[in-house]
PDB file of N, CA and C in Angstrom:
ATOM      1  N   MET A   1      96.029  93.014 102.921  1.00  0.00           N
ATOM      2  CA  MET A   1      95.540  94.331 102.447  1.00  0.00           C
ATOM      3  C   MET A   1      94.972  95.097 103.645  1.00  0.00           C
ATOM      4  N   ASN A   2      95.377  96.330 103.804  1.00  0.00           N
ATOM      5  CA  ASN A   2      94.853  97.080 104.946  1.00  0.00           C
ATOM      6  C   ASN A   2      93.543  97.779 104.576  1.00  0.00           C
ATOM      7  N   ARG A   3      92.972  98.429 105.562  1.00  0.00           N
ATOM      8  CA  ARG A   3      91.624  98.961 105.394  1.00  0.00           C
ATOM      9  C   ARG A   3      91.589 100.059 104.331  1.00  0.00           C
ATOM     10  N   ILE A   4      92.573 100.948 104.333  1.00  0.00           N
ATOM     11  CA  ILE A   4      92.552 102.069 103.384  1.00  0.00           C
ATOM     12  C   ILE A   4      92.673 101.551 101.956  1.00  0.00           C
ATOM     13  N   GLU A   5      93.548 100.556 101.747  1.00  0.00           N
ATOM     14  CA  GLU A   5      93.677  99.997 100.399  1.00  0.00           C
ATOM     15  C   GLU A   5      92.367  99.375  99.952  1.00  0.00           C
ATOM     16  N   ARG A   6      91.688  98.697 100.877  1.00  0.00           N
ATOM     17  CA  ARG A   6      90.417  98.065 100.516  1.00  0.00           C
ATOM     18  C   ARG A   6      89.387  99.126 100.134  1.00  0.00           C
ATOM     19  N   ILE A   7      89.332 100.221 100.910  1.00  0.00           N
ATOM     20  CA  ILE A   7      88.384 101.301 100.601  1.00  0.00           C
ATOM     21  C   ILE A   7      88.696 101.888  99.226  1.00  0.00           C
ATOM     22  N   CYS A   8      89.979 102.095  98.933  1.00  0.00           N
ATOM     23  CA  CYS A   8      90.355 102.645  97.626  1.00  0.00           C
ATOM     24  C   CYS A   8      89.949 101.702  96.507  1.00  0.00           C
ATOM     25  N   THR A   9      90.132 100.398  96.724  1.00  0.00           N
ATOM     26  CA  THR A   9      89.769  99.434  95.682  1.00  0.00           C
ATOM     27  C   THR A   9      88.267  99.452  95.435  1.00  0.00           C
ATOM     28  N   VAL A  10      87.491  99.467  96.509  1.00  0.00           N
ATOM     29  CA  VAL A  10      86.031  99.513  96.357  1.00  0.00           C
ATOM     30  C   VAL A  10      85.616 100.798  95.655  1.00  0.00           C
ATOM     31  N   TYR A  11      86.252 101.915  96.033  1.00  0.00           N
ATOM     32  CA  TYR A  11      85.905 103.196  95.417  1.00  0.00           C
ATOM     33  C   TYR A  11      86.230 103.175  93.931  1.00  0.00           C
ATOM     34  N   GLN A  12      87.407 102.644  93.568  1.00  0.00           N
ATOM     35  CA  GLN A  12      87.790 102.587  92.159  1.00  0.00           C
ATOM     36  C   GLN A  12      86.828 101.717  91.370  1.00  0.00           C
ATOM     37  N   SER A  13      86.477 100.536  91.904  1.00  0.00           N
ATOM     38  CA  SER A  13      85.608  99.634  91.158  1.00  0.00           C
ATOM     39  C   SER A  13      84.216 100.244  91.003  1.00  0.00           C
ATOM     40  N   SER A  14      83.707 100.917  92.038  1.00  0.00           N
ATOM     41  CA  SER A  14      82.384 101.533  91.908  1.00  0.00           C
ATOM     42  C   SER A  14      82.437 102.703  90.932  1.00  0.00           C
ATOM     43  N   PHE A  15      83.569 103.429  90.900  1.00  0.00           N
ATOM     44  CA  PHE A  15      83.710 104.530  89.949  1.00  0.00           C
ATOM     45  C   PHE A  15      83.724 103.991  88.523  1.00  0.00           C
ATOM     46  N   LEU A  16      84.475 102.906  88.289  1.00  0.00           N
ATOM     47  CA  LEU A  16      84.516 102.311  86.954  1.00  0.00           C
ATOM     48  C   LEU A  16      83.131 101.820  86.562  1.00  0.00           C
ATOM     49  N   PHE A  17      82.414 101.196  87.520  1.00  0.00           N
ATOM     50  CA  PHE A  17      81.085 100.676  87.221  1.00  0.00           C
ATOM     51  C   PHE A  17      80.138 101.814  86.858  1.00  0.00           C
ATOM     52  N   SER A  18      80.171 102.923  87.609  1.00  0.00           N
ATOM     53  CA  SER A  18      79.270 104.041  87.307  1.00  0.00           C
ATOM     54  C   SER A  18      79.641 104.660  85.968  1.00  0.00           C
ATOM     55  N   GLU A  19      80.942 104.695  85.637  1.00  0.00           N
ATOM     56  CA  GLU A  19      81.356 105.239  84.351  1.00  0.00           C
ATOM     57  C   GLU A  19      80.841 104.362  83.214  1.00  0.00           C
ATOM     58  N   MET A  20      80.890 103.031  83.403  1.00  0.00           N
ATOM     59  CA  MET A  20      80.349 102.121  82.391  1.00  0.00           C
ATOM     60  C   MET A  20      78.847 102.327  82.247  1.00  0.00           C
ATOM     61  N   ALA A  21      78.150 102.516  83.362  1.00  0.00           N
ATOM     62  CA  ALA A  21      76.705 102.722  83.302  1.00  0.00           C
ATOM     63  C   ALA A  21      76.379 103.996  82.529  1.00  0.00           C
ATOM     64  N   VAL A  22      77.144 105.061  82.753  1.00  0.00           N
ATOM     65  CA  VAL A  22      76.916 106.315  82.026  1.00  0.00           C
ATOM     66  C   VAL A  22      77.153 106.100  80.538  1.00  0.00           C
ATOM     67  N   THR A  23      78.202 105.359  80.185  1.00  0.00           N
ATOM     68  CA  THR A  23      78.487 105.091  78.774  1.00  0.00           C
ATOM     69  C   THR A  23      77.351 104.290  78.156  1.00  0.00           C
ATOM     70  N   ASP A  24      76.856 103.278  78.864  1.00  0.00           N
ATOM     71  CA  ASP A  24      75.742 102.486  78.354  1.00  0.00           C
ATOM     72  C   ASP A  24      74.521 103.367  78.122  1.00  0.00           C
ATOM     73  N   GLN A  25      74.244 104.286  79.039  1.00  0.00           N
ATOM     74  CA  GLN A  25      73.083 105.158  78.876  1.00  0.00           C
ATOM     75  C   GLN A  25      73.252 106.051  77.657  1.00  0.00           C
ATOM     76  N   LYS A  26      74.472 106.544  77.413  1.00  0.00           N
ATOM     77  CA  LYS A  26      74.697 107.383  76.236  1.00  0.00           C
ATOM     78  C   LYS A  26      74.363 106.606  74.969  1.00  0.00           C
ATOM     79  N   TYR A  27      74.797 105.328  74.915  1.00  0.00           N
ATOM     80  CA  TYR A  27      74.519 104.537  73.722  1.00  0.00           C
ATOM     81  C   TYR A  27      73.035 104.181  73.628  1.00  0.00           C
ATOM     82  N   LEU A  28      72.415 103.890  74.768  1.00  0.00           N
ATOM     83  CA  LEU A  28      71.015 103.465  74.738  1.00  0.00           C
ATOM     84  C   LEU A  28      70.093 104.613  74.341  1.00  0.00           C
ATOM     85  N   PHE A  29      70.362 105.797  74.876  1.00  0.00           N
ATOM     86  CA  PHE A  29      69.437 106.919  74.672  1.00  0.00           C
ATOM     87  C   PHE A  29      69.918 107.881  73.600  1.00  0.00           C
ATOM     88  N   LYS A  30      70.804 107.411  72.723  1.00  0.00           N
ATOM     89  CA  LYS A  30      71.330 108.282  71.681  1.00  0.00           C
ATOM     90  C   LYS A  30      70.222 108.608  70.687  1.00  0.00           C
TER      91      LYS A  30
END
């Protein structure tokens, strides 16, 4: 895996994680 692919993978996983966190907050603070 080259460097750019690794950066994209990290970016995607952090984006998914932040999206999950936002969803959790919506349910928690509803």
